[in-house]
Protein backbone atom coordinates (compact mmCIF):
# COMPACT_ATOMS: atom_id res chain seq x y z
CA UNK A 1 6.00 12.28 -7.81
CA UNK A 2 6.32 9.00 -9.63
CA UNK A 3 4.69 5.73 -8.59
CA UNK A 4 6.61 2.88 -7.02
CA UNK A 5 7.56 -0.24 -8.95
CA UNK A 6 7.74 -3.18 -6.58
CA UNK A 7 8.86 -6.18 -8.62
CA UNK A 8 8.69 -9.89 -7.97
CA UNK A 9 12.31 -10.00 -6.82
CA UNK A 10 11.62 -7.50 -4.03
CA UNK A 11 8.44 -9.35 -3.05
CA UNK A 12 10.19 -12.73 -2.93
CA UNK A 13 13.13 -11.32 -0.94
CA UNK A 14 10.72 -9.84 1.61
CA UNK A 15 8.60 -12.97 1.93
CA UNK A 16 11.52 -15.39 2.06
CA UNK A 17 13.34 -13.20 4.60
CA UNK A 18 10.36 -13.29 6.94
CA UNK A 19 9.90 -17.04 6.61
CA UNK A 20 13.64 -17.70 6.97
CA UNK A 21 13.80 -15.51 10.08
CA UNK A 22 11.06 -17.41 11.87
CA UNK A 23 12.08 -20.90 10.67
CA UNK A 24 15.63 -20.50 11.95
CA UNK A 25 14.76 -19.03 15.34
CA UNK A 26 11.80 -21.04 16.60
CA UNK A 27 10.84 -24.66 16.93
CA UNK A 28 7.96 -26.26 15.00
CA UNK A 29 5.40 -25.69 17.79
CA UNK A 30 6.28 -22.04 18.07
CA UNK A 31 6.30 -21.78 14.28
CA UNK A 32 2.60 -22.68 14.22
CA UNK A 33 1.89 -19.80 16.58
CA UNK A 34 3.95 -17.36 14.53
CA UNK A 35 2.36 -18.15 11.15
CA UNK A 36 -0.55 -15.72 11.83
CA UNK A 37 2.07 -13.07 12.64
CA UNK A 38 3.82 -13.69 9.31
CA UNK A 39 0.47 -13.54 7.49
CA UNK A 40 -0.41 -10.31 9.25
CA UNK A 41 2.93 -8.73 8.39
CA UNK A 42 2.57 -9.73 4.74
CA UNK A 43 -0.95 -8.34 4.56
CA UNK A 44 0.17 -5.10 6.23
CA UNK A 45 3.14 -4.66 3.89
CA UNK A 46 0.89 -5.30 0.88
CA UNK A 47 -1.58 -2.66 2.10
CA UNK A 48 1.21 -0.17 2.77
CA UNK A 49 2.63 -0.71 -0.71
CA UNK A 50 -0.81 -0.20 -2.26
CA UNK A 51 -1.33 2.95 -0.19
CA UNK A 52 2.04 4.32 -1.25
CA UNK A 53 1.21 3.65 -4.87
CA UNK A 54 -2.11 5.43 -4.56
CA UNK A 55 -0.47 8.43 -2.91
CA UNK A 56 2.30 8.70 -5.47
CA UNK A 57 0.24 8.17 -8.59
CA UNK A 58 -0.57 11.27 -10.65
CA UNK A 59 -2.96 9.54 -13.01
CA UNK A 60 -5.65 6.93 -13.23
CA UNK A 61 -5.00 3.19 -13.04
CA UNK A 62 -7.93 2.61 -15.40
CA UNK A 63 -6.11 2.45 -18.70
CA UNK A 64 -9.14 0.76 -20.19
CA UNK A 65 -8.87 -1.39 -23.31
CA UNK A 66 -10.59 -0.28 -26.48
CA UNK A 67 -14.33 -0.75 -26.05
CA UNK A 68 -15.58 -3.54 -28.25
CA UNK A 69 -18.52 -5.54 -27.03
CA UNK A 70 -18.67 -9.01 -28.56
CA UNK A 71 -22.12 -10.60 -28.44
CA UNK A 72 -22.60 -13.49 -26.04
CA UNK A 73 -24.24 -15.85 -28.50
CA UNK A 74 -25.96 -19.10 -27.64
CA UNK A 75 -23.00 -20.90 -29.19
CA UNK A 76 -20.62 -19.23 -26.74
CA UNK A 77 -22.92 -19.89 -23.79
CA UNK A 78 -23.57 -23.51 -24.64
CA UNK A 79 -20.17 -24.51 -25.94
CA UNK A 80 -18.81 -27.73 -24.41
CA UNK A 81 -15.65 -26.40 -22.76
CA UNK A 82 -15.11 -29.53 -20.68
CA UNK A 83 -14.75 -31.78 -23.75
CA UNK A 84 -13.28 -29.46 -26.34
CA UNK A 85 -10.50 -31.87 -27.35
CA UNK A 86 -12.91 -34.71 -28.08
CA UNK A 87 -13.71 -33.88 -31.75
CA UNK A 88 -10.07 -33.25 -32.71
CA UNK A 89 -8.43 -35.99 -34.76
CA UNK A 90 -6.17 -38.42 -32.90
CA UNK A 91 -3.35 -37.69 -35.35
CA UNK A 92 -3.17 -34.01 -34.33
CA UNK A 93 0.30 -33.25 -32.88
CA UNK A 94 0.16 -31.65 -29.43
CA UNK A 95 2.62 -29.02 -30.67
CA UNK A 96 0.05 -27.74 -33.20
CA UNK A 97 -2.67 -27.08 -30.64
CA UNK A 98 -3.39 -23.75 -28.96
CA UNK A 99 -3.72 -24.87 -25.34
CA UNK A 100 -5.29 -22.64 -22.66
CA UNK A 101 -3.35 -22.82 -19.40
CA UNK A 102 -3.00 -21.31 -15.95
CA UNK A 103 0.19 -19.84 -14.49
CA UNK A 104 0.57 -20.69 -10.79
CA UNK A 105 -2.64 -22.65 -11.10
CA UNK A 106 -3.04 -23.41 -7.38
CA UNK A 107 -3.06 -19.84 -6.08
CA UNK A 108 -6.85 -19.43 -6.16
CA UNK A 109 -6.95 -20.17 -2.42
CA UNK A 110 -4.09 -17.86 -1.43
CA UNK A 111 -5.37 -15.38 1.17
CA UNK A 112 -2.04 -14.49 2.78
CA UNK A 113 -0.91 -11.87 0.29
CA UNK A 114 -2.73 -10.66 -2.79
CA UNK A 115 0.56 -10.22 -4.63
CA UNK A 116 0.90 -14.02 -4.63
CA UNK A 117 -2.53 -14.76 -6.10
CA UNK A 118 -2.76 -15.50 -9.83
CA UNK A 119 -6.10 -17.33 -10.24
CA UNK A 120 -9.63 -17.02 -8.93
CA UNK A 121 -11.03 -20.40 -10.02
CA UNK A 122 -10.26 -23.79 -8.46
CA UNK A 123 -8.93 -26.87 -10.29
CA UNK A 124 -12.34 -28.32 -11.09
CA UNK A 125 -13.58 -25.01 -12.49
CA UNK A 126 -10.43 -24.61 -14.54
CA UNK A 127 -10.85 -28.09 -16.03
CA UNK A 128 -14.52 -27.54 -16.84
CA UNK A 129 -13.74 -24.15 -18.37
CA UNK A 130 -11.26 -25.57 -20.88
CA UNK A 131 -7.88 -25.21 -19.17
CA UNK A 132 -5.54 -27.99 -20.32
CA UNK A 133 -2.16 -26.81 -18.99
CA UNK A 134 -1.42 -26.42 -15.28
CA UNK A 135 1.66 -24.70 -13.86
CA UNK A 136 2.19 -26.37 -10.46
CA UNK A 137 4.80 -25.31 -7.87
CA UNK A 138 5.60 -27.88 -5.18
CA UNK A 139 7.44 -28.41 -1.92
CA UNK A 140 7.33 -30.64 1.15
CA UNK A 141 5.05 -29.18 3.82
CA UNK A 142 7.02 -29.21 7.07
CA UNK A 143 3.82 -29.60 9.09
CA UNK A 144 2.58 -32.92 7.70
CA UNK A 145 5.29 -33.94 5.17
CA UNK A 146 2.74 -33.81 2.36
CA UNK A 147 3.63 -32.48 -1.08
CA UNK A 148 2.13 -29.03 -0.81
CA UNK A 149 1.50 -26.49 -3.55
CA UNK A 150 3.23 -23.15 -3.24
CA UNK A 151 3.71 -19.69 -4.63
CA UNK A 152 6.56 -18.63 -2.35
CA UNK A 153 4.26 -19.64 0.55
CA UNK A 154 2.00 -22.68 0.98
CA UNK A 155 -1.32 -21.93 -0.72
CA UNK A 156 -3.47 -24.33 1.32
CA UNK A 157 -3.74 -27.06 -1.33
CA UNK A 158 -1.76 -30.29 -1.76
CA UNK A 159 -0.56 -32.11 -4.86
CA UNK A 160 -2.76 -35.05 -3.86
CA UNK A 161 -5.82 -32.75 -4.07
CA UNK A 162 -4.86 -31.77 -7.59
CA UNK A 163 -4.28 -35.36 -8.72
CA UNK A 164 -7.56 -36.55 -7.22
CA UNK A 165 -9.48 -33.80 -9.04
CA UNK A 166 -7.75 -34.54 -12.33
CA UNK A 167 -8.20 -38.32 -12.02
CA UNK A 168 -11.94 -37.87 -11.51
CA UNK A 169 -12.14 -35.51 -14.47
CA UNK A 170 -10.24 -37.79 -16.87
CA UNK A 171 -11.86 -41.02 -15.66
CA UNK A 172 -13.30 -43.39 -18.27
CA UNK A 173 -16.81 -42.37 -19.18
CA UNK A 174 -16.24 -38.82 -17.96
CA UNK A 175 -13.84 -36.66 -20.03
CA UNK A 176 -11.48 -39.40 -21.12
CA UNK A 177 -10.81 -37.89 -24.56
CA UNK A 178 -9.19 -34.84 -22.97
CA UNK A 179 -5.49 -34.56 -22.13
CA UNK A 180 -3.52 -32.34 -19.76
CA UNK A 181 0.02 -31.02 -19.72
CA UNK A 182 1.19 -30.40 -16.14
CA UNK A 183 4.47 -28.73 -15.28
CA UNK A 184 5.91 -29.33 -11.80
CA UNK A 185 8.63 -27.14 -10.35
CA UNK A 186 10.18 -27.03 -6.90
CA UNK A 187 9.23 -23.78 -5.17
CA UNK A 188 10.62 -24.37 -1.67
CA UNK A 189 12.95 -26.79 0.11
CA UNK A 190 16.19 -28.51 -0.84
CA UNK A 191 17.58 -31.80 -2.09
CA UNK A 192 17.42 -33.42 1.36
CA UNK A 193 13.69 -33.03 2.02
CA UNK A 194 12.54 -36.13 0.10
CA UNK A 195 10.41 -34.28 -2.43
CA UNK A 196 11.12 -36.58 -5.44
CA UNK A 197 10.23 -39.71 -3.46
CA UNK A 198 7.05 -38.12 -2.12
CA UNK A 199 5.94 -37.14 -5.64
CA UNK A 200 6.79 -40.61 -6.96
CA UNK A 201 4.61 -42.18 -4.26
CA UNK A 202 1.67 -40.04 -5.37
CA UNK A 203 2.26 -40.85 -9.03
CA UNK A 204 2.31 -44.56 -8.17
CA UNK A 205 -1.24 -44.26 -6.82
CA UNK A 206 -2.43 -43.41 -10.36
CA UNK A 207 -0.60 -45.92 -12.59
CA UNK A 208 -2.72 -45.26 -15.68
CA UNK A 209 -3.09 -41.49 -15.29
CA UNK A 210 0.32 -40.42 -16.60
CA UNK A 211 1.82 -40.81 -20.05
CA UNK A 212 4.84 -43.07 -19.57
CA UNK A 213 6.21 -43.49 -23.10
CA UNK A 214 9.51 -42.13 -24.27
CA UNK A 215 8.34 -39.39 -26.64
CA UNK A 216 8.84 -35.68 -26.05
CA UNK A 217 5.90 -33.29 -25.95
CA UNK A 218 6.97 -32.05 -29.37
CA UNK A 219 6.64 -35.60 -30.75
CA UNK A 220 3.34 -36.65 -29.18
CA UNK A 221 -0.05 -36.75 -30.87
CA UNK A 222 -3.32 -36.15 -29.09
CA UNK A 223 -4.43 -39.73 -29.64
CA UNK A 224 -1.44 -41.03 -27.70
CA UNK A 225 -2.30 -39.11 -24.54
CA UNK A 226 -6.10 -38.98 -24.32
CA UNK A 227 -7.23 -39.46 -20.74
CA UNK A 228 -3.71 -38.83 -19.44
CA UNK A 229 -1.40 -36.26 -17.90
CA UNK A 230 1.75 -35.39 -19.83
CA UNK A 231 4.20 -34.42 -17.08
CA UNK A 232 6.73 -31.65 -17.66
CA UNK A 233 9.38 -31.90 -14.93
CA UNK A 234 10.96 -28.47 -14.50
CA UNK A 235 14.15 -29.49 -12.76
CA UNK A 236 13.28 -31.97 -9.98
CA UNK A 237 15.91 -34.72 -10.10
CA UNK A 238 14.72 -38.22 -9.30
CA UNK A 239 11.15 -38.23 -10.58
CA UNK A 240 10.03 -41.55 -12.00
CA UNK A 241 8.20 -40.07 -14.97
CA UNK A 242 7.95 -37.00 -17.16
CA UNK A 243 9.98 -35.00 -19.67
CA UNK A 244 12.76 -33.35 -17.67
CA UNK A 245 14.09 -29.90 -18.53
CA UNK A 246 14.04 -26.46 -16.96
CA UNK A 247 14.67 -22.92 -18.20
CA UNK A 248 15.71 -19.55 -16.84
CA UNK A 249 12.63 -17.35 -16.52
CA UNK A 250 12.60 -13.60 -16.92
CA UNK A 251 14.07 -12.87 -20.33
CA UNK A 252 12.60 -12.85 -23.82
CA UNK A 253 14.66 -15.63 -25.37
CA UNK A 254 15.52 -17.84 -22.40
CA UNK A 255 13.72 -20.95 -23.55
CA UNK A 256 15.33 -22.47 -26.64
CA UNK A 257 15.60 -26.06 -25.40
CA UNK A 258 16.97 -27.49 -28.63
CA UNK A 259 17.40 -31.09 -27.50
CA UNK A 260 13.70 -31.20 -26.63
CA UNK A 261 12.45 -29.12 -29.59
CA UNK A 262 10.86 -26.72 -27.11
CA UNK A 263 10.83 -22.92 -27.00
CA UNK A 264 9.54 -20.75 -24.18
CA UNK A 265 8.67 -17.08 -23.73
CA UNK A 266 8.41 -16.22 -20.02
CA UNK A 267 9.35 -12.54 -19.90
CA UNK A 268 7.55 -12.01 -16.59
CA UNK A 269 9.48 -9.03 -15.22
CA UNK A 270 9.48 -6.07 -17.65
CA UNK A 271 10.29 -2.92 -15.66
CA UNK A 272 8.41 0.19 -16.81
CA UNK A 273 9.79 3.71 -16.95
CA UNK A 274 8.84 6.19 -14.20
CA UNK A 275 5.34 7.58 -14.65
CA UNK A 276 1.77 7.25 -13.53
CA UNK A 277 0.17 3.86 -13.02
CA UNK A 278 -1.76 4.33 -16.24
CA UNK A 279 1.45 5.03 -18.18
CA UNK A 280 3.18 2.05 -16.59
CA UNK A 281 0.26 -0.21 -17.42
CA UNK A 282 0.36 0.88 -21.05
CA UNK A 283 4.12 0.34 -21.30
CA UNK A 284 3.96 -3.06 -19.60
CA UNK A 285 1.17 -4.16 -21.93
CA UNK A 286 3.11 -3.07 -25.00
CA UNK A 287 6.37 -4.73 -23.93
CA UNK A 288 4.79 -7.99 -22.83
CA UNK A 289 2.44 -8.23 -25.81
CA UNK A 290 5.42 -7.75 -28.18
CA UNK A 291 7.20 -10.68 -26.52
CA UNK A 292 4.03 -12.80 -26.82
CA UNK A 293 3.49 -11.91 -30.47
CA UNK A 294 7.16 -12.56 -31.30
CA UNK A 295 6.77 -16.06 -29.86
CA UNK A 296 3.61 -16.63 -31.91
CA UNK A 297 5.37 -15.36 -35.03
CA UNK A 298 8.30 -17.70 -34.37
CA UNK A 299 5.87 -20.60 -34.27
CA UNK A 300 4.35 -19.99 -37.71
CA UNK A 301 7.67 -20.27 -39.54
CA UNK A 302 7.99 -23.50 -41.50
CA UNK A 303 11.46 -24.13 -40.06
CA UNK A 304 9.92 -24.45 -36.58
CA UNK A 305 7.08 -26.81 -37.47
CA UNK A 306 8.48 -29.58 -35.23
CA UNK A 307 8.92 -27.29 -32.20
CA UNK A 308 6.64 -27.17 -29.14
CA UNK A 309 5.97 -23.69 -27.68
CA UNK A 310 5.03 -22.30 -24.28
CA UNK A 311 4.03 -18.63 -24.44
CA UNK A 312 3.51 -17.21 -20.94
CA UNK A 313 1.08 -14.28 -20.64
CA UNK A 314 1.80 -13.41 -17.00
CA UNK A 315 3.89 -10.66 -15.44
CA UNK A 316 4.90 -10.12 -11.81
CA UNK A 317 4.93 -7.27 -9.34
CA UNK A 318 2.36 -4.75 -8.17
CA UNK A 319 0.59 -4.99 -11.54
CA UNK A 320 0.13 -8.76 -11.26
CA UNK A 321 -3.65 -8.56 -11.08
CA UNK A 322 -6.83 -8.96 -13.09
CA UNK A 323 -6.55 -5.56 -14.81
CA UNK A 324 -3.09 -6.35 -16.15
CA UNK A 325 -4.16 -9.80 -17.30
CA UNK A 326 -7.11 -8.19 -19.10
CA UNK A 327 -4.92 -5.62 -20.84
CA UNK A 328 -2.40 -8.19 -22.06
CA UNK A 329 -5.09 -10.55 -23.34
CA UNK A 330 -6.92 -7.69 -25.05
CA UNK A 331 -3.71 -6.60 -26.79
CA UNK A 332 -3.12 -10.03 -28.32
CA UNK A 333 -6.23 -12.14 -28.63
CA UNK A 334 -7.89 -10.71 -31.74
CA UNK A 335 -4.71 -11.12 -33.81
CA UNK A 336 -3.88 -14.64 -32.65
CA UNK A 337 -6.73 -16.51 -30.96
CA UNK A 338 -8.69 -16.59 -34.20
CA UNK A 339 -5.86 -17.93 -36.39
CA UNK A 340 -5.46 -21.53 -37.47
CA UNK A 341 -1.65 -21.28 -37.31
CA UNK A 342 -1.50 -19.99 -33.72
CA UNK A 343 -0.16 -22.70 -31.44
CA UNK A 344 1.50 -23.43 -28.14
CA UNK A 345 0.76 -23.64 -24.44
CA UNK A 346 -0.72 -20.36 -23.16
CA UNK A 347 -0.32 -19.99 -19.36
CA UNK A 348 -2.39 -17.04 -18.13
CA UNK A 349 -3.14 -15.18 -14.90
CA UNK A 350 -6.78 -14.51 -14.02
CA UNK A 351 -8.14 -15.89 -17.26
CA UNK A 352 -11.55 -15.84 -15.47
CA UNK A 353 -12.65 -18.17 -18.18
CA UNK A 354 -15.38 -20.47 -19.33
CA UNK A 355 -18.27 -19.19 -21.35
CA UNK A 356 -16.87 -15.65 -21.54
CA UNK A 357 -14.49 -13.26 -19.86
CA UNK A 358 -15.68 -10.16 -18.07
CA UNK A 359 -13.83 -6.96 -17.15
CA UNK A 360 -15.73 -5.61 -14.15
CA UNK A 361 -14.30 -2.11 -14.54
CA UNK A 362 -15.59 -1.53 -18.08
CA UNK A 363 -18.27 -4.14 -18.62
CA UNK A 364 -16.47 -5.29 -21.75
CA UNK A 365 -17.03 -8.97 -22.40
CA UNK A 366 -14.33 -11.05 -23.99
CA UNK A 367 -14.32 -14.60 -25.32
CA UNK A 368 -10.68 -15.54 -24.83
CA UNK A 369 -11.02 -19.22 -23.98
CA UNK A 370 -13.78 -19.79 -26.50
CA UNK A 371 -11.82 -18.24 -29.37
CA UNK A 372 -8.62 -19.99 -28.37
CA UNK A 373 -10.33 -23.39 -28.37
CA UNK A 374 -12.22 -22.75 -31.60
CA UNK A 375 -8.98 -21.90 -33.42
CA UNK A 376 -7.99 -25.56 -32.99
CA UNK A 377 -10.93 -26.65 -35.15
CA UNK A 378 -9.54 -24.60 -38.06
CA UNK A 379 -6.27 -26.57 -38.26
């Protein structure tokens, strides 16, 4: 019998159906009481899906990467990840950098359903471990009207928490030669919930934190945005700041935003052929890594030298976990993270970064973030 493929669409339909059912049938007080029920149902469904997968699988899920143990040198251990941009020349265009990032960056605290978790380090750890792009999903929290952070469901963190952490990190005398790119996208709610105004109020509390010039990300140099957030507004009308454009996720070539000189690869939903989990993992890795490498290859062509790239490493579904993230990174990093011409924003799931990366199932140590950062010093 073949294993089940439970994709992101099915997960989102299930989660949204449950939330919609309760929201439209109970008042706010009762809703508070029913949230544990929703959480319990989600956890149960996740466990049942995992059990079904285990029962149907005819092979191992340990499709281990090729063993290759890279030494953890003193240089890797002692590298200054929190200030890696500091020695780079001010004239360096942002578009030429290889920028480590996190997909669904706020999901480290998500305990409702494992299928919605994409990170295991909090914002401060991500910053100190070299992450310079943050994928943030927002909505108005019905409980307190705060701008909450979401991945389908509220993840227990607010946008104000994120901004406070970032402001402290980039403060003068701290890491003020670093720069962040932050994408914000509506995850829940509608045009009547006041989300743009609520975000604008938070932005106004940090008047010097955001880049407010008129240049696109493809036009900016590092020197112009040191100590600042470059805001990428993914489709929220009415924000007071940020470069505003969105794209349709899920296909290989969805992101040619010509008027912004921006190209995106976010092929998050490749569907594998029937087979064992090990066979599916191998096929998913091959398909996704081809899309990633095609995006890298596109970026090295001279005709595209003025284009900014975002090359998403994540996938969705049952295989959205650390093992999948490890396989995808392993398939790509040696060819590209050591090259001077590799560039673009690299949003990742479970980068588990900092000094080194560690695959607990094989003991293989990887140096993804270190190699990615070091490639910028070769440019």
